[in-house]
Structure formats: C-alpha cells, structure tokens
N, C-alpha and C. Protein backbone atom coordinates (compact mmCIF):
# COMPACT_ATOMS: atom_id res chain seq x y z
N MET A 1 15.71 -13.81 25.33
CA MET A 1 15.73 -14.49 24.04
C MET A 1 17.02 -14.12 23.30
N ALA A 2 17.64 -15.13 22.75
CA ALA A 2 18.87 -14.90 21.98
C ALA A 2 18.56 -14.09 20.73
N GLN A 3 19.57 -13.40 20.24
CA GLN A 3 19.37 -12.60 19.03
C GLN A 3 19.09 -13.52 17.85
N VAL A 4 18.00 -13.26 17.18
CA VAL A 4 17.58 -14.07 16.04
C VAL A 4 17.89 -13.35 14.74
N VAL A 5 17.70 -12.04 14.73
CA VAL A 5 17.88 -11.21 13.53
C VAL A 5 19.12 -10.34 13.72
N THR A 6 20.01 -10.34 12.73
CA THR A 6 21.27 -9.61 12.88
C THR A 6 21.26 -8.22 12.25
N VAL A 7 20.18 -7.85 11.59
CA VAL A 7 20.06 -6.51 11.02
C VAL A 7 19.20 -5.66 11.96
N ASP A 8 19.45 -4.38 12.01
CA ASP A 8 18.68 -3.48 12.88
C ASP A 8 17.34 -3.17 12.24
N LEU A 9 16.32 -3.91 12.60
CA LEU A 9 15.00 -3.75 12.00
C LEU A 9 14.33 -2.45 12.42
N ARG A 10 14.67 -1.93 13.59
CA ARG A 10 14.12 -0.63 14.00
C ARG A 10 14.60 0.47 13.04
N ASP A 11 15.89 0.43 12.74
CA ASP A 11 16.46 1.39 11.80
C ASP A 11 15.83 1.22 10.42
N ARG A 12 15.67 -0.01 9.98
CA ARG A 12 15.08 -0.27 8.67
C ARG A 12 13.64 0.25 8.60
N ALA A 13 12.90 0.09 9.67
CA ALA A 13 11.51 0.56 9.70
C ALA A 13 11.46 2.08 9.62
N LYS A 14 12.32 2.74 10.37
CA LYS A 14 12.31 4.20 10.38
C LYS A 14 12.76 4.80 9.04
N ARG A 15 13.55 4.05 8.29
CA ARG A 15 14.05 4.52 6.99
C ARG A 15 13.15 4.11 5.83
N SER A 16 12.19 3.24 6.10
CA SER A 16 11.33 2.73 5.04
C SER A 16 10.26 3.74 4.65
N GLU A 17 10.04 3.86 3.35
CA GLU A 17 8.99 4.73 2.84
C GLU A 17 7.62 4.07 2.94
N ASN A 18 7.58 2.76 3.10
CA ASN A 18 6.32 2.02 3.08
C ASN A 18 5.85 1.54 4.44
N PHE A 19 6.60 1.83 5.48
CA PHE A 19 6.24 1.32 6.80
C PHE A 19 5.06 2.11 7.37
N PRO A 20 4.14 1.46 8.08
CA PRO A 20 2.96 2.17 8.61
C PRO A 20 3.36 3.36 9.50
N GLU A 21 2.88 4.52 9.15
CA GLU A 21 3.22 5.74 9.87
C GLU A 21 2.61 5.81 11.26
N ASN A 22 1.51 5.10 11.48
CA ASN A 22 0.81 5.19 12.76
C ASN A 22 1.42 4.30 13.85
N TRP A 23 2.45 3.53 13.52
CA TRP A 23 3.06 2.67 14.53
C TRP A 23 3.95 3.48 15.46
N THR A 24 3.78 3.27 16.76
CA THR A 24 4.65 3.90 17.75
C THR A 24 5.91 3.06 17.91
N ASP A 25 6.89 3.59 18.64
CA ASP A 25 8.11 2.82 18.91
C ASP A 25 7.77 1.53 19.66
N GLY A 26 6.82 1.61 20.58
CA GLY A 26 6.41 0.42 21.33
C GLY A 26 5.77 -0.63 20.43
N MET A 27 4.95 -0.20 19.50
CA MET A 27 4.32 -1.14 18.56
C MET A 27 5.38 -1.80 17.69
N LEU A 28 6.36 -1.01 17.26
CA LEU A 28 7.44 -1.54 16.44
C LEU A 28 8.25 -2.57 17.23
N ASP A 29 8.60 -2.24 18.46
CA ASP A 29 9.36 -3.17 19.30
C ASP A 29 8.59 -4.47 19.51
N ASP A 30 7.29 -4.37 19.76
CA ASP A 30 6.46 -5.57 19.94
C ASP A 30 6.42 -6.40 18.67
N ALA A 31 6.28 -5.74 17.53
CA ALA A 31 6.22 -6.47 16.26
C ALA A 31 7.54 -7.17 15.96
N ILE A 32 8.65 -6.53 16.25
CA ILE A 32 9.96 -7.16 16.03
C ILE A 32 10.12 -8.37 16.94
N GLU A 33 9.71 -8.25 18.19
CA GLU A 33 9.79 -9.39 19.11
C GLU A 33 8.90 -10.53 18.62
N ARG A 34 7.71 -10.21 18.16
CA ARG A 34 6.80 -11.24 17.65
C ARG A 34 7.38 -11.89 16.38
N TYR A 35 8.01 -11.10 15.53
CA TYR A 35 8.62 -11.64 14.32
C TYR A 35 9.74 -12.63 14.69
N GLU A 36 10.56 -12.27 15.65
CA GLU A 36 11.63 -13.17 16.07
C GLU A 36 11.05 -14.46 16.63
N LYS A 37 9.96 -14.37 17.39
CA LYS A 37 9.30 -15.57 17.90
C LYS A 37 8.72 -16.39 16.74
N PHE A 38 8.21 -15.71 15.72
CA PHE A 38 7.68 -16.38 14.53
C PHE A 38 8.79 -17.20 13.85
N LEU A 39 9.97 -16.60 13.72
CA LEU A 39 11.09 -17.33 13.13
C LEU A 39 11.49 -18.53 13.97
N LEU A 40 11.52 -18.36 15.28
CA LEU A 40 11.84 -19.48 16.17
C LEU A 40 10.80 -20.59 16.05
N LEU A 41 9.53 -20.21 15.92
CA LEU A 41 8.46 -21.18 15.74
C LEU A 41 8.64 -21.95 14.44
N ALA A 42 8.98 -21.23 13.37
CA ALA A 42 9.23 -21.87 12.07
C ALA A 42 10.40 -22.85 12.17
N ALA A 43 11.42 -22.46 12.91
CA ALA A 43 12.59 -23.34 13.07
C ALA A 43 12.24 -24.58 13.88
N LYS A 44 11.39 -24.42 14.87
CA LYS A 44 11.02 -25.55 15.73
C LYS A 44 10.07 -26.51 15.02
N HIS A 45 9.30 -26.01 14.07
CA HIS A 45 8.30 -26.83 13.36
C HIS A 45 8.52 -26.75 11.85
N PRO A 46 9.67 -27.25 11.37
CA PRO A 46 9.99 -27.10 9.95
C PRO A 46 9.03 -27.83 9.02
N GLU A 47 8.29 -28.80 9.54
CA GLU A 47 7.35 -29.56 8.70
C GLU A 47 6.01 -28.85 8.53
N GLU A 48 5.77 -27.80 9.30
CA GLU A 48 4.48 -27.10 9.29
C GLU A 48 4.53 -25.84 8.45
N PRO A 49 3.55 -25.65 7.54
CA PRO A 49 3.44 -24.34 6.90
C PRO A 49 2.96 -23.33 7.95
N ILE A 50 3.43 -22.10 7.87
CA ILE A 50 3.04 -21.08 8.84
C ILE A 50 2.56 -19.83 8.13
N ALA A 51 1.76 -19.06 8.82
CA ALA A 51 1.20 -17.84 8.25
C ALA A 51 1.35 -16.70 9.25
N PRO A 52 1.90 -15.57 8.81
CA PRO A 52 2.11 -14.44 9.73
C PRO A 52 0.86 -13.58 9.90
N THR A 53 0.82 -12.89 11.03
CA THR A 53 -0.17 -11.83 11.22
C THR A 53 0.35 -10.61 10.46
N ARG A 54 -0.46 -9.58 10.41
CA ARG A 54 -0.07 -8.39 9.66
C ARG A 54 1.21 -7.76 10.21
N ASP A 55 1.31 -7.63 11.53
CA ASP A 55 2.50 -6.99 12.10
C ASP A 55 3.75 -7.81 11.83
N ILE A 56 3.65 -9.12 11.95
CA ILE A 56 4.79 -9.98 11.67
C ILE A 56 5.17 -9.89 10.19
N ASP A 57 4.19 -9.85 9.32
CA ASP A 57 4.46 -9.74 7.89
C ASP A 57 5.18 -8.44 7.56
N GLU A 58 4.80 -7.34 8.19
CA GLU A 58 5.48 -6.05 7.98
C GLU A 58 6.98 -6.17 8.30
N ILE A 59 7.28 -6.79 9.43
CA ILE A 59 8.68 -6.92 9.86
C ILE A 59 9.41 -7.92 8.97
N TRP A 60 8.72 -8.98 8.57
CA TRP A 60 9.32 -9.96 7.68
C TRP A 60 9.76 -9.28 6.38
N HIS A 61 8.92 -8.42 5.84
CA HIS A 61 9.28 -7.70 4.62
C HIS A 61 10.52 -6.84 4.83
N LEU A 62 10.60 -6.17 5.98
CA LEU A 62 11.79 -5.36 6.27
C LEU A 62 13.05 -6.23 6.31
N HIS A 63 12.93 -7.38 6.93
CA HIS A 63 14.07 -8.29 7.05
C HIS A 63 14.53 -8.75 5.66
N MET A 64 13.58 -9.10 4.80
CA MET A 64 13.93 -9.57 3.47
C MET A 64 14.57 -8.47 2.61
N LEU A 65 14.35 -7.21 2.97
CA LEU A 65 14.97 -6.10 2.23
C LEU A 65 16.47 -5.98 2.52
N SER A 66 16.96 -6.77 3.46
CA SER A 66 18.40 -6.89 3.72
C SER A 66 18.76 -8.34 3.40
N PRO A 67 18.88 -8.65 2.11
CA PRO A 67 18.97 -10.06 1.70
C PRO A 67 20.17 -10.82 2.25
N VAL A 68 21.29 -10.17 2.43
CA VAL A 68 22.45 -10.88 2.98
C VAL A 68 22.17 -11.29 4.42
N ALA A 69 21.65 -10.35 5.21
CA ALA A 69 21.31 -10.64 6.61
C ALA A 69 20.17 -11.65 6.69
N TYR A 70 19.16 -11.50 5.83
CA TYR A 70 18.03 -12.44 5.85
C TYR A 70 18.52 -13.86 5.55
N HIS A 71 19.34 -14.00 4.53
CA HIS A 71 19.89 -15.31 4.18
C HIS A 71 20.69 -15.87 5.35
N ARG A 72 21.61 -15.09 5.88
CA ARG A 72 22.45 -15.54 7.00
C ARG A 72 21.61 -15.94 8.20
N ASP A 73 20.63 -15.11 8.56
CA ASP A 73 19.81 -15.39 9.74
C ASP A 73 18.99 -16.66 9.56
N CYS A 74 18.40 -16.84 8.39
CA CYS A 74 17.62 -18.05 8.13
C CYS A 74 18.49 -19.30 8.15
N ILE A 75 19.64 -19.23 7.49
CA ILE A 75 20.54 -20.38 7.46
C ILE A 75 21.01 -20.72 8.86
N THR A 76 21.37 -19.72 9.64
CA THR A 76 21.83 -19.96 11.02
C THR A 76 20.72 -20.59 11.85
N LEU A 77 19.52 -20.11 11.72
CA LEU A 77 18.41 -20.56 12.56
C LEU A 77 17.78 -21.86 12.07
N MET A 78 17.59 -21.98 10.76
CA MET A 78 16.81 -23.10 10.22
C MET A 78 17.56 -24.02 9.28
N GLY A 79 18.73 -23.56 8.82
CA GLY A 79 19.47 -24.35 7.85
C GLY A 79 18.98 -24.17 6.43
N LYS A 80 18.00 -23.29 6.23
CA LYS A 80 17.45 -23.00 4.91
C LYS A 80 16.74 -21.65 4.96
N ILE A 81 16.38 -21.15 3.79
CA ILE A 81 15.66 -19.89 3.70
C ILE A 81 14.18 -20.14 3.97
N LEU A 82 13.58 -19.29 4.79
CA LEU A 82 12.13 -19.36 5.00
C LEU A 82 11.46 -18.65 3.84
N ASP A 83 10.77 -19.42 3.01
CA ASP A 83 10.15 -18.88 1.80
C ASP A 83 8.90 -18.09 2.16
N HIS A 84 8.67 -17.04 1.42
CA HIS A 84 7.51 -16.16 1.64
C HIS A 84 6.67 -16.18 0.36
N ASP A 85 5.51 -16.78 0.43
CA ASP A 85 4.62 -16.87 -0.72
C ASP A 85 3.60 -15.74 -0.63
N GLY A 86 4.01 -14.55 -1.07
CA GLY A 86 3.22 -13.34 -0.88
C GLY A 86 1.89 -13.29 -1.59
N GLY A 87 1.64 -14.12 -2.54
CA GLY A 87 0.37 -14.07 -3.24
C GLY A 87 -0.60 -15.15 -2.83
N PHE A 88 -0.18 -16.01 -1.93
CA PHE A 88 -1.04 -17.13 -1.56
C PHE A 88 -2.29 -16.62 -0.85
N GLY A 89 -3.44 -17.11 -1.27
CA GLY A 89 -4.71 -16.71 -0.69
C GLY A 89 -5.43 -15.66 -1.52
N ALA A 90 -4.83 -15.22 -2.61
CA ALA A 90 -5.43 -14.18 -3.44
C ALA A 90 -6.58 -14.73 -4.30
N VAL A 91 -6.58 -16.02 -4.55
CA VAL A 91 -7.67 -16.61 -5.33
C VAL A 91 -8.57 -17.41 -4.38
N PRO A 92 -9.86 -17.42 -4.64
CA PRO A 92 -10.82 -18.05 -3.71
C PRO A 92 -10.51 -19.50 -3.37
N GLU A 93 -9.95 -20.25 -4.31
CA GLU A 93 -9.66 -21.66 -4.05
C GLU A 93 -8.62 -21.85 -2.94
N GLU A 94 -7.77 -20.84 -2.74
CA GLU A 94 -6.70 -20.97 -1.74
C GLU A 94 -7.13 -20.53 -0.34
N VAL A 95 -8.23 -19.83 -0.23
CA VAL A 95 -8.64 -19.26 1.06
C VAL A 95 -8.82 -20.33 2.14
N PRO A 96 -9.47 -21.47 1.88
CA PRO A 96 -9.58 -22.47 2.95
C PRO A 96 -8.23 -22.94 3.49
N GLN A 97 -7.25 -23.15 2.59
CA GLN A 97 -5.93 -23.58 3.04
C GLN A 97 -5.25 -22.46 3.83
N LEU A 98 -5.40 -21.22 3.39
CA LEU A 98 -4.84 -20.09 4.12
C LEU A 98 -5.43 -20.01 5.53
N GLU A 99 -6.74 -20.14 5.64
CA GLU A 99 -7.38 -20.09 6.96
C GLU A 99 -6.89 -21.22 7.85
N GLU A 100 -6.79 -22.42 7.28
CA GLU A 100 -6.32 -23.58 8.05
C GLU A 100 -4.87 -23.36 8.51
N THR A 101 -4.03 -22.86 7.61
CA THR A 101 -2.63 -22.59 7.96
C THR A 101 -2.53 -21.55 9.05
N PHE A 102 -3.32 -20.49 8.93
CA PHE A 102 -3.28 -19.44 9.95
C PHE A 102 -3.75 -19.98 11.31
N MET A 103 -4.83 -20.75 11.31
CA MET A 103 -5.33 -21.29 12.58
C MET A 103 -4.33 -22.28 13.19
N ASN A 104 -3.67 -23.07 12.36
CA ASN A 104 -2.64 -23.98 12.86
C ASN A 104 -1.47 -23.20 13.45
N THR A 105 -1.07 -22.12 12.77
CA THR A 105 0.01 -21.27 13.29
C THR A 105 -0.39 -20.69 14.64
N ALA A 106 -1.64 -20.25 14.76
CA ALA A 106 -2.12 -19.68 16.02
C ALA A 106 -2.05 -20.71 17.15
N LYS A 107 -2.40 -21.96 16.85
CA LYS A 107 -2.33 -23.03 17.87
C LYS A 107 -0.88 -23.31 18.27
N LEU A 108 0.01 -23.40 17.27
CA LEU A 108 1.43 -23.61 17.57
C LEU A 108 1.96 -22.48 18.45
N TRP A 109 1.61 -21.24 18.10
CA TRP A 109 2.05 -20.06 18.84
C TRP A 109 1.55 -20.12 20.29
N GLU A 110 0.27 -20.39 20.45
CA GLU A 110 -0.31 -20.41 21.80
C GLU A 110 0.30 -21.53 22.64
N ASN A 111 0.56 -22.69 22.03
CA ASN A 111 1.20 -23.78 22.76
C ASN A 111 2.64 -23.43 23.14
N GLU A 112 3.34 -22.76 22.24
CA GLU A 112 4.75 -22.43 22.48
C GLU A 112 4.93 -21.26 23.44
N TYR A 113 4.13 -20.21 23.27
CA TYR A 113 4.37 -18.96 24.00
C TYR A 113 3.32 -18.66 25.07
N GLY A 114 2.24 -19.42 25.10
CA GLY A 114 1.25 -19.25 26.16
C GLY A 114 0.39 -18.01 26.05
N ASN A 115 0.36 -17.38 24.88
CA ASN A 115 -0.54 -16.24 24.70
C ASN A 115 -1.14 -16.30 23.30
N SER A 116 -2.16 -15.48 23.09
CA SER A 116 -2.88 -15.48 21.83
C SER A 116 -2.03 -14.93 20.69
N TYR A 117 -2.13 -15.56 19.55
CA TYR A 117 -1.39 -15.12 18.36
C TYR A 117 -1.86 -13.75 17.88
N VAL A 118 -3.13 -13.46 18.03
CA VAL A 118 -3.65 -12.17 17.59
C VAL A 118 -3.59 -11.12 18.69
N GLY A 119 -3.15 -11.45 19.87
CA GLY A 119 -2.84 -10.46 20.89
C GLY A 119 -4.01 -9.94 21.69
N ASN A 120 -3.78 -8.81 22.33
CA ASN A 120 -4.71 -8.16 23.25
C ASN A 120 -5.56 -7.17 22.47
N PRO A 121 -6.90 -7.29 22.53
CA PRO A 121 -7.75 -6.41 21.74
C PRO A 121 -7.75 -4.95 22.20
N ASP A 122 -7.05 -4.62 23.27
CA ASP A 122 -7.04 -3.24 23.76
C ASP A 122 -5.99 -2.37 23.09
N THR A 123 -5.15 -2.92 22.23
CA THR A 123 -4.10 -2.11 21.61
C THR A 123 -4.38 -1.89 20.14
N GLN A 124 -3.90 -0.80 19.61
CA GLN A 124 -4.11 -0.46 18.20
C GLN A 124 -3.48 -1.50 17.28
N LEU A 125 -2.28 -1.96 17.61
CA LEU A 125 -1.62 -2.94 16.77
C LEU A 125 -2.47 -4.19 16.66
N ASP A 126 -3.03 -4.63 17.78
CA ASP A 126 -3.86 -5.81 17.75
C ASP A 126 -5.13 -5.57 16.94
N ASP A 127 -5.69 -4.36 17.01
CA ASP A 127 -6.85 -4.03 16.18
C ASP A 127 -6.48 -4.16 14.71
N ASP A 128 -5.29 -3.68 14.34
CA ASP A 128 -4.83 -3.79 12.97
C ASP A 128 -4.69 -5.25 12.55
N MET A 129 -4.17 -6.09 13.46
CA MET A 129 -4.01 -7.50 13.13
C MET A 129 -5.36 -8.15 12.89
N LYS A 130 -6.35 -7.87 13.75
CA LYS A 130 -7.66 -8.47 13.58
C LYS A 130 -8.35 -7.95 12.33
N LYS A 131 -8.23 -6.67 12.07
CA LYS A 131 -8.82 -6.09 10.88
C LYS A 131 -8.22 -6.76 9.64
N CYS A 132 -6.94 -6.99 9.68
CA CYS A 132 -6.27 -7.64 8.57
C CYS A 132 -6.82 -9.04 8.36
N TRP A 133 -6.99 -9.80 9.40
CA TRP A 133 -7.48 -11.17 9.28
C TRP A 133 -8.84 -11.19 8.60
N HIS A 134 -9.67 -10.20 8.90
CA HIS A 134 -11.00 -10.19 8.32
C HIS A 134 -11.07 -9.54 6.94
N ASN A 135 -10.13 -8.68 6.60
CA ASN A 135 -10.27 -7.87 5.40
C ASN A 135 -9.27 -8.15 4.28
N CYS A 136 -8.29 -8.97 4.47
CA CYS A 136 -7.36 -9.17 3.36
C CYS A 136 -7.20 -10.64 3.05
N GLN A 137 -6.79 -10.91 1.85
CA GLN A 137 -6.64 -12.31 1.44
C GLN A 137 -5.20 -12.72 1.24
N SER A 138 -4.33 -11.79 0.90
CA SER A 138 -2.99 -12.26 0.55
C SER A 138 -1.89 -11.62 1.36
N ARG A 139 -1.89 -10.33 1.51
CA ARG A 139 -0.75 -9.64 2.06
C ARG A 139 -0.53 -9.92 3.54
N CYS A 140 -1.58 -10.04 4.31
CA CYS A 140 -1.45 -10.04 5.76
C CYS A 140 -1.04 -11.37 6.34
N HIS A 141 -1.62 -12.44 5.94
CA HIS A 141 -1.14 -13.71 6.42
C HIS A 141 -1.07 -14.71 5.28
N ASN A 142 -0.05 -14.49 4.54
CA ASN A 142 0.23 -15.38 3.43
C ASN A 142 0.60 -16.74 3.99
N ALA A 143 0.14 -17.76 3.37
CA ALA A 143 0.50 -19.10 3.83
C ALA A 143 1.92 -19.37 3.36
N CYS A 144 2.83 -19.17 4.24
CA CYS A 144 4.24 -19.30 3.88
C CYS A 144 4.74 -20.66 4.32
N LYS A 145 5.53 -21.26 3.50
CA LYS A 145 6.02 -22.59 3.81
C LYS A 145 7.48 -22.52 4.18
N SER A 146 7.81 -23.20 5.25
CA SER A 146 9.22 -23.24 5.65
C SER A 146 9.93 -24.31 4.88
C-alpha cells in the first residue's frame, strides 16, 4: 500500500499523554494500517458518510494533532479535508443515523478489503472495538462526513 499518511503516527502515539497504555506495538501498527485503509475508503466513496471504529478513531485523532500534515494528506488523497464530527451520536435522536452510518461503513470495508470491519474476536484490540460499539455513543464511531 502506498504511503497515505506523511507524519510518523507511531512516534505521535508514543509521545501522546492520552494514547491507550495497554496497546502493544503490534496493536498500534494494525490500527495505523486500518486508519490508512479508512482514509482510502473515504477517498474512494466521497459521497458516503463514514464512521470509524475505536482504534481508527484513536489514530485519526493523532493525525489531526499534526494539522499541517493532516491537511496535506487529506488534500493529496481526497482533494478536501475529511471532517470529523466528534459529537455526533451523543443525543438519542442521532443514534439511528450513527448506527446506519457505521453499518454502511462496515459493508464498504468488507467489500473493499474482504475482511470484517470489527476484526478478529481473538485479539484485545478487537475486543476493545466491539466493547466500544456497544458502550459508547459519540467518541468511538462518530458519524463523520467526507
């Protein structure tokens, strides 16, 4: 896969005070790869709203903390900034749209990459993603519009 992100997200994660401490290097590498695939998916389907899993959202936040690189990477890949609506789904009226957006993203992902969007249930990272889907309304898979 061609380089999608021009900032060193591994370095940013290790330097972040807010990054999950329980993530291993392998989990971080997997999340960065999934985030890059998420960006490619957004670029391929600009008309579709998309929603990240928890791991993708963590990496997305790291990327946005380098605004020059984030801007450059989005413009290069999509011709525009991928907007992040971090509060979407926090009110009950938005939950059905959030669920629909997440399920649509999962279908696009599975069609594009041939594997499940929520991953393999045998890994801790995947457990975190599933727990997030069931337990949070806004932070984990915000309905973000490209």
